[in-house]
Each structure stands twice: as C-alpha cells, then as structure tokens.
PDB file of N, CA and C in Angstrom:
ATOM      1  N   MET A   1       6.914  -5.178  17.691  1.00  0.00           N
ATOM      2  CA  MET A   1       8.232  -3.759  17.534  1.00  0.00           C
ATOM      3  C   MET A   1       7.347  -2.255  16.968  1.00  0.00           C
ATOM      4  N   PRO A   2       8.174  -1.614  17.477  1.00  0.00           N
ATOM      5  CA  PRO A   2       7.538   0.251  17.598  1.00  0.00           C
ATOM      6  C   PRO A   2       7.557   0.610  15.684  1.00  0.00           C
ATOM      7  N   GLY A   3       7.323   1.395  15.715  1.00  0.00           N
ATOM      8  CA  GLY A   3       6.577   1.972  14.250  1.00  0.00           C
ATOM      9  C   GLY A   3       5.968   0.470  13.201  1.00  0.00           C
ATOM     10  N   GLN A   4       6.189  -0.861  13.804  1.00  0.00           N
ATOM     11  CA  GLN A   4       5.830  -1.270  12.485  1.00  0.00           C
ATOM     12  C   GLN A   4       4.486  -0.739  12.117  1.00  0.00           C
ATOM     13  N   ASP A   5       4.418  -1.454  10.713  1.00  0.00           N
ATOM     14  CA  ASP A   5       2.632  -1.113   9.184  1.00  0.00           C
ATOM     15  C   ASP A   5       1.711  -2.049   9.775  1.00  0.00           C
ATOM     16  N   ALA A   6       1.026  -1.781  10.213  1.00  0.00           N
ATOM     17  CA  ALA A   6       0.018  -2.760  10.354  1.00  0.00           C
ATOM     18  C   ALA A   6      -0.338  -3.897   9.416  1.00  0.00           C
ATOM     19  N   GLU A   7       0.025  -3.223   7.896  1.00  0.00           N
ATOM     20  CA  GLU A   7      -0.106  -4.321   6.678  1.00  0.00           C
ATOM     21  C   GLU A   7       1.138  -5.471   6.553  1.00  0.00           C
ATOM     22  N   PHE A   8       1.912  -4.664   7.353  1.00  0.00           N
ATOM     23  CA  PHE A   8       3.679  -5.167   6.593  1.00  0.00           C
ATOM     24  C   PHE A   8       4.061  -6.702   8.103  1.00  0.00           C
ATOM     25  N   ASP A   9       3.202  -7.840   6.883  1.00  0.00           N
ATOM     26  CA  ASP A   9       3.918  -9.392   7.975  1.00  0.00           C
ATOM     27  C   ASP A   9       6.055  -9.150   7.816  1.00  0.00           C
ATOM     28  N   TYR A  10       6.087  -8.972   9.045  1.00  0.00           N
ATOM     29  CA  TYR A  10       7.461  -9.488   9.730  1.00  0.00           C
ATOM     30  C   TYR A  10       7.534 -10.227   9.892  1.00  0.00           C
ATOM     31  N   ARG A  11       6.926 -11.168  10.556  1.00  0.00           N
ATOM     32  CA  ARG A  11       7.260 -13.307  10.116  1.00  0.00           C
ATOM     33  C   ARG A  11       7.536 -13.672   8.850  1.00  0.00           C
ATOM     34  N   ARG A  12       6.752 -12.960   7.973  1.00  0.00           N
ATOM     35  CA  ARG A  12       6.860 -13.817   6.776  1.00  0.00           C
ATOM     36  C   ARG A  12       7.179 -13.082   5.824  1.00  0.00           C
ATOM     37  N   TYR A  13       7.876 -11.715   6.097  1.00  0.00           N
ATOM     38  CA  TYR A  13       9.525 -11.236   5.130  1.00  0.00           C
ATOM     39  C   TYR A  13      10.353 -11.771   5.805  1.00  0.00           C
ATOM     40  N   GLN A  14      11.254 -12.073   7.086  1.00  0.00           N
ATOM     41  CA  GLN A  14      11.804 -12.978   7.714  1.00  0.00           C
ATOM     42  C   GLN A  14      12.075 -14.445   7.343  1.00  0.00           C
ATOM     43  N   GLN A  15      10.854 -15.146   8.013  1.00  0.00           N
ATOM     44  CA  GLN A  15      10.881 -16.321   7.054  1.00  0.00           C
ATOM     45  C   GLN A  15      11.664 -16.062   5.373  1.00  0.00           C
ATOM     46  N   LEU A  16      10.935 -15.689   4.366  1.00  0.00           N
ATOM     47  CA  LEU A  16      11.335 -15.349   3.027  1.00  0.00           C
ATOM     48  C   LEU A  16      12.711 -15.460   3.165  1.00  0.00           C
ATOM     49  N   LEU A  17      12.704 -14.332   3.930  1.00  0.00           N
ATOM     50  CA  LEU A  17      14.587 -14.253   3.884  1.00  0.00           C
ATOM     51  C   LEU A  17      15.807 -15.058   4.025  1.00  0.00           C
ATOM     52  N   ALA A  18      15.441 -15.748   5.600  1.00  0.00           N
ATOM     53  CA  ALA A  18      15.789 -16.752   5.538  1.00  0.00           C
ATOM     54  C   ALA A  18      15.867 -18.199   4.706  1.00  0.00           C
ATOM     55  N   ASP A  19      14.554 -18.564   3.865  1.00  0.00           N
ATOM     56  CA  ASP A  19      14.588 -19.329   3.036  1.00  0.00           C
ATOM     57  C   ASP A  19      15.356 -19.127   2.336  1.00  0.00           C
ATOM     58  N   ALA A  20      15.946 -17.755   1.469  1.00  0.00           N
ATOM     59  CA  ALA A  20      16.688 -17.164   0.244  1.00  0.00           C
ATOM     60  C   ALA A  20      18.173 -17.093   0.665  1.00  0.00           C
ATOM     61  N   VAL A  21      18.599 -18.624   0.488  1.00  0.00           N
ATOM     62  CA  VAL A  21      19.677 -19.676  -0.180  1.00  0.00           C
ATOM     63  C   VAL A  21      20.733 -19.671  -1.126  1.00  0.00           C
ATOM     64  N   ASP A  22      20.002 -19.082  -1.991  1.00  0.00           N
ATOM     65  CA  ASP A  22      21.006 -18.714  -3.075  1.00  0.00           C
ATOM     66  C   ASP A  22      20.475 -17.834  -4.123  1.00  0.00           C
ATOM     67  N   ASP A  23      21.511 -17.002  -5.040  1.00  0.00           N
ATOM     68  CA  ASP A  23      21.094 -16.205  -5.774  1.00  0.00           C
ATOM     69  C   ASP A  23      19.465 -16.032  -6.004  1.00  0.00           C
ATOM     70  N   SER A  24      18.692 -16.915  -6.658  1.00  0.00           N
ATOM     71  CA  SER A  24      17.713 -16.897  -7.035  1.00  0.00           C
ATOM     72  C   SER A  24      16.687 -16.914  -6.318  1.00  0.00           C
ATOM     73  N   LYS A  25      16.656 -17.596  -4.959  1.00  0.00           N
ATOM     74  CA  LYS A  25      15.780 -17.195  -4.580  1.00  0.00           C
ATOM     75  C   LYS A  25      15.674 -16.131  -3.805  1.00  0.00           C
ATOM     76  N   ARG A  26      17.241 -15.103  -3.662  1.00  0.00           N
ATOM     77  CA  ARG A  26      17.262 -13.913  -2.958  1.00  0.00           C
ATOM     78  C   ARG A  26      16.521 -12.846  -4.224  1.00  0.00           C
ATOM     79  N   LEU A  27      16.829 -13.195  -5.006  1.00  0.00           N
ATOM     80  CA  LEU A  27      16.193 -11.923  -6.036  1.00  0.00           C
ATOM     81  C   LEU A  27      14.844 -12.311  -6.324  1.00  0.00           C
ATOM     82  N   ALA A  28      13.866 -13.535  -5.645  1.00  0.00           N
ATOM     83  CA  ALA A  28      12.115 -13.783  -5.958  1.00  0.00           C
ATOM     84  C   ALA A  28      12.126 -13.042  -4.559  1.00  0.00           C
ATOM     85  N   PHE A  29      12.882 -12.815  -3.602  1.00  0.00           N
ATOM     86  CA  PHE A  29      12.464 -12.194  -2.973  1.00  0.00           C
ATOM     87  C   PHE A  29      12.365 -10.508  -2.648  1.00  0.00           C
ATOM     88  N   ILE A  30      13.610 -10.379  -3.129  1.00  0.00           N
ATOM     89  CA  ILE A  30      13.649  -8.910  -3.632  1.00  0.00           C
ATOM     90  C   ILE A  30      12.508  -8.342  -4.773  1.00  0.00           C
ATOM     91  N   GLU A  31      12.275  -9.105  -5.890  1.00  0.00           N
ATOM     92  CA  GLU A  31      11.192  -9.023  -6.468  1.00  0.00           C
ATOM     93  C   GLU A  31       9.669  -9.094  -5.505  1.00  0.00           C
ATOM     94  N   LEU A  32       9.513  -9.571  -4.587  1.00  0.00           N
ATOM     95  CA  LEU A  32       8.216  -9.769  -4.216  1.00  0.00           C
ATOM     96  C   LEU A  32       8.267  -8.824  -2.896  1.00  0.00           C
ATOM     97  N   LEU A  33       9.334  -7.495  -2.668  1.00  0.00           N
ATOM     98  CA  LEU A  33       9.182  -7.026  -1.745  1.00  0.00           C
ATOM     99  C   LEU A  33       8.665  -5.552  -2.614  1.00  0.00           C
ATOM    100  N   ILE A  34       9.416  -6.208  -3.806  1.00  0.00           N
ATOM    101  CA  ILE A  34       9.050  -4.594  -5.000  1.00  0.00           C
ATOM    102  C   ILE A  34       7.783  -4.536  -5.332  1.00  0.00           C
ATOM    103  N   GLN A  35       7.085  -5.785  -5.132  1.00  0.00           N
ATOM    104  CA  GLN A  35       5.578  -5.876  -6.077  1.00  0.00           C
ATOM    105  C   GLN A  35       4.872  -5.550  -4.744  1.00  0.00           C
ATOM    106  N   GLU A  36       4.865  -5.619  -3.683  1.00  0.00           N
ATOM    107  CA  GLU A  36       4.113  -6.101  -2.798  1.00  0.00           C
ATOM    108  C   GLU A  36       4.780  -4.144  -2.494  1.00  0.00           C
ATOM    109  N   ARG A  37       5.532  -3.254  -2.867  1.00  0.00           N
ATOM    110  CA  ARG A  37       5.562  -1.937  -2.435  1.00  0.00           C
ATOM    111  C   ARG A  37       4.378  -1.366  -3.592  1.00  0.00           C
ATOM    112  N   ALA A  38       5.246  -1.591  -4.459  1.00  0.00           N
ATOM    113  CA  ALA A  38       4.235  -1.699  -5.399  1.00  0.00           C
ATOM    114  C   ALA A  38       2.440  -1.519  -5.589  1.00  0.00           C
ATOM    115  N   LYS A  39       2.322  -2.359  -5.002  1.00  0.00           N
ATOM    116  CA  LYS A  39       0.821  -2.932  -4.936  1.00  0.00           C
ATOM    117  C   LYS A  39       0.505  -1.786  -3.501  1.00  0.00           C
ATOM    118  N   GLU A  40       0.652  -1.681  -2.244  1.00  0.00           N
ATOM    119  CA  GLU A  40       1.046  -0.635  -1.634  1.00  0.00           C
ATOM    120  C   GLU A  40       0.389   0.727  -1.812  1.00  0.00           C
ATOM    121  N   ARG A  41       1.485   1.361  -2.816  1.00  0.00           N
ATOM    122  CA  ARG A  41       1.643   2.763  -3.357  1.00  0.00           C
ATOM    123  C   ARG A  41       0.682   2.561  -4.272  1.00  0.00           C
ATOM    124  N   LEU A  42       0.055   1.558  -4.721  1.00  0.00           N
ATOM    125  CA  LEU A  42      -0.955   2.218  -5.584  1.00  0.00           C
ATOM    126  C   LEU A  42      -2.619   1.544  -5.030  1.00  0.00           C
ATOM    127  N   GLN A  43      -2.601   1.511  -4.213  1.00  0.00           N
ATOM    128  CA  GLN A  43      -3.667   1.366  -2.465  1.00  0.00           C
ATOM    129  C   GLN A  43      -3.678   2.496  -1.987  1.00  0.00           C
ATOM    130  N   ALA A  44      -2.546   2.930  -2.539  1.00  0.00           N
ATOM    131  CA  ALA A  44      -2.781   4.551  -1.426  1.00  0.00           C
ATOM    132  C   ALA A  44      -3.970   5.544  -2.232  1.00  0.00           C
ATOM    133  N   GLN A  45      -2.157   5.647  -3.120  1.00  0.00           N
ATOM    134  CA  GLN A  45      -2.934   6.183  -4.683  1.00  0.00           C
ATOM    135  C   GLN A  45      -4.334   6.654  -5.103  1.00  0.00           C
ATOM    136  N   ARG A  46      -5.269   4.806  -4.375  1.00  0.00           N
ATOM    137  CA  ARG A  46      -6.539   4.994  -5.165  1.00  0.00           C
ATOM    138  C   ARG A  46      -7.254   4.991  -3.624  1.00  0.00           C
ATOM    139  N   ALA A  47      -7.309   5.164  -3.031  1.00  0.00           N
ATOM    140  CA  ALA A  47      -7.469   6.104  -2.001  1.00  0.00           C
ATOM    141  C   ALA A  47      -7.594   7.308  -1.517  1.00  0.00           C
ATOM    142  N   SER A  48      -6.686   7.766  -2.003  1.00  0.00           N
ATOM    143  CA  SER A  48      -6.860   9.650  -1.909  1.00  0.00           C
ATOM    144  C   SER A  48      -7.099   9.544  -3.120  1.00  0.00           C
ATOM    145  N   ASP A  49      -7.587   8.906  -4.066  1.00  0.00           N
ATOM    146  CA  ASP A  49      -8.451   9.620  -5.368  1.00  0.00           C
ATOM    147  C   ASP A  49     -10.196   9.584  -5.182  1.00  0.00           C
ATOM    148  N   ARG A  50      -9.756   8.255  -4.321  1.00  0.00           N
ATOM    149  CA  ARG A  50     -11.623   8.288  -3.525  1.00  0.00           C
ATOM    150  C   ARG A  50     -11.944   9.499  -3.173  1.00  0.00           C
ATOM    151  N   MET A  51     -11.369   9.899  -2.010  1.00  0.00           N
ATOM    152  CA  MET A  51     -11.491  10.957  -0.999  1.00  0.00           C
ATOM    153  C   MET A  51     -11.668  12.255  -2.050  1.00  0.00           C
ATOM    154  N   ALA A  52     -10.585  12.978  -2.743  1.00  0.00           N
ATOM    155  CA  ALA A  52     -10.512  13.827  -3.866  1.00  0.00           C
ATOM    156  C   ALA A  52     -12.038  13.785  -4.298  1.00  0.00           C
ATOM    157  N   MET A  53     -12.240  12.617  -4.815  1.00  0.00           N
ATOM    158  CA  MET A  53     -14.180  12.432  -5.466  1.00  0.00           C
ATOM    159  C   MET A  53     -15.504  13.548  -4.222  1.00  0.00           C
ATOM    160  N   THR A  54     -14.679  12.344  -3.039  1.00  0.00           N
ATOM    161  CA  THR A  54     -15.804  12.517  -2.365  1.00  0.00           C
ATOM    162  C   THR A  54     -15.563  13.880  -1.974  1.00  0.00           C
ATOM    163  N   VAL A  55     -14.667  15.011  -2.048  1.00  0.00           N
ATOM    164  CA  VAL A  55     -14.860  15.989  -0.719  1.00  0.00           C
ATOM    165  C   VAL A  55     -14.993  17.366  -2.743  1.00  0.00           C
ATOM    166  N   ALA A  56     -14.992  16.741  -3.291  1.00  0.00           N
ATOM    167  CA  ALA A  56     -15.209  17.322  -4.924  1.00  0.00           C
ATOM    168  C   ALA A  56     -16.701  17.087  -4.603  1.00  0.00           C
ATOM    169  N   THR A  57     -16.964  15.812  -4.209  1.00  0.00           N
ATOM    170  CA  THR A  57     -18.916  15.721  -5.229  1.00  0.00           C
ATOM    171  C   THR A  57     -19.527  16.422  -3.758  1.00  0.00           C
ATOM    172  N   ILE A  58     -19.424  16.357  -1.929  1.00  0.00           N
ATOM    173  CA  ILE A  58     -19.319  17.200  -1.527  1.00  0.00           C
ATOM    174  C   ILE A  58     -19.442  18.549  -1.298  1.00  0.00           C
ATOM    175  N   THR A  59     -18.112  19.774  -2.445  1.00  0.00           N
ATOM    176  CA  THR A  59     -18.009  20.759  -2.892  1.00  0.00           C
ATOM    177  C   THR A  59     -19.822  20.941  -3.489  1.00  0.00           C
ATOM    178  N   THR A  60     -19.632  20.655  -4.029  1.00  0.00           N
ATOM    179  CA  THR A  60     -21.030  20.867  -5.786  1.00  0.00           C
ATOM    180  C   THR A  60     -22.143  20.622  -4.795  1.00  0.00           C
ATOM    181  N   VAL A  61     -22.873  19.610  -3.645  1.00  0.00           N
ATOM    182  CA  VAL A  61     -23.540  19.649  -3.227  1.00  0.00           C
ATOM    183  C   VAL A  61     -24.158  20.913  -3.431  1.00  0.00           C
ATOM    184  N   LEU A  62     -22.722  21.263  -1.771  1.00  0.00           N
ATOM    185  CA  LEU A  62     -23.132  22.018  -0.586  1.00  0.00           C
ATOM    186  C   LEU A  62     -23.041  23.565  -1.647  1.00  0.00           C
ATOM    187  N   ALA A  63     -21.878  23.757  -2.688  1.00  0.00           N
ATOM    188  CA  ALA A  63     -21.987  24.733  -2.646  1.00  0.00           C
ATOM    189  C   ALA A  63     -24.016  25.138  -4.032  1.00  0.00           C
ATOM    190  N   SER A  64     -24.042  23.737  -4.624  1.00  0.00           N
ATOM    191  CA  SER A  64     -25.771  24.063  -5.376  1.00  0.00           C
ATOM    192  C   SER A  64     -26.733  24.532  -3.791  1.00  0.00           C
ATOM    193  N   ALA A  65     -26.567  24.257  -3.404  1.00  0.00           N
ATOM    194  CA  ALA A  65     -27.996  24.047  -1.488  1.00  0.00           C
ATOM    195  C   ALA A  65     -27.788  25.406  -1.324  1.00  0.00           C
ATOM    196  N   PRO A  66     -29.715  25.838  -1.140  1.00  0.00           N
ATOM    197  CA  PRO A  66     -30.247  27.421  -0.978  1.00  0.00           C
ATOM    198  C   PRO A  66     -29.413  27.983   0.640  1.00  0.00           C
ATOM    199  N   GLY A  67     -29.335  28.771  -0.080  1.00  0.00           N
ATOM    200  CA  GLY A  67     -29.406  29.296   1.569  1.00  0.00           C
ATOM    201  C   GLY A  67     -27.500  29.670   1.695  1.00  0.00           C
TER     202      GLY A  67
END
C-alpha cells in the first residue's frame, strides 16, 4: 500500500481488529494503538534530542578549533 510506514504492521492490526468482536476487545485494541503511537512519538523525540546534542557538540568543537 502506498504511504505505509515502515514500522506499521498492517497485517497485525488488521488481525487484531478482526479479533475485536466485543466492546472489551475493541477497547483493548484502541488502547494498544494509542500506546504504540505514544511509544513511536517518544522514540522520535529521543532521536531528535540526540541529533540536537550531536549538532551542539560539533558546533562547540568547530568553534574551538584554531583558524
């Protein structure tokens, strides 16, 4: 499918949705989607923070280099 995320497991979610035949299973499925999205956002934030720290370190090193 076009536009699929590399980490998004469509088949897994499709099966979980098919298995969600009652309200408790549907709510559990929704909760899982929310938790996994939150985890993805946290990972993205951490990657961004690491990149910012790397850029700051490189800037400091280059600023202190002679010439």
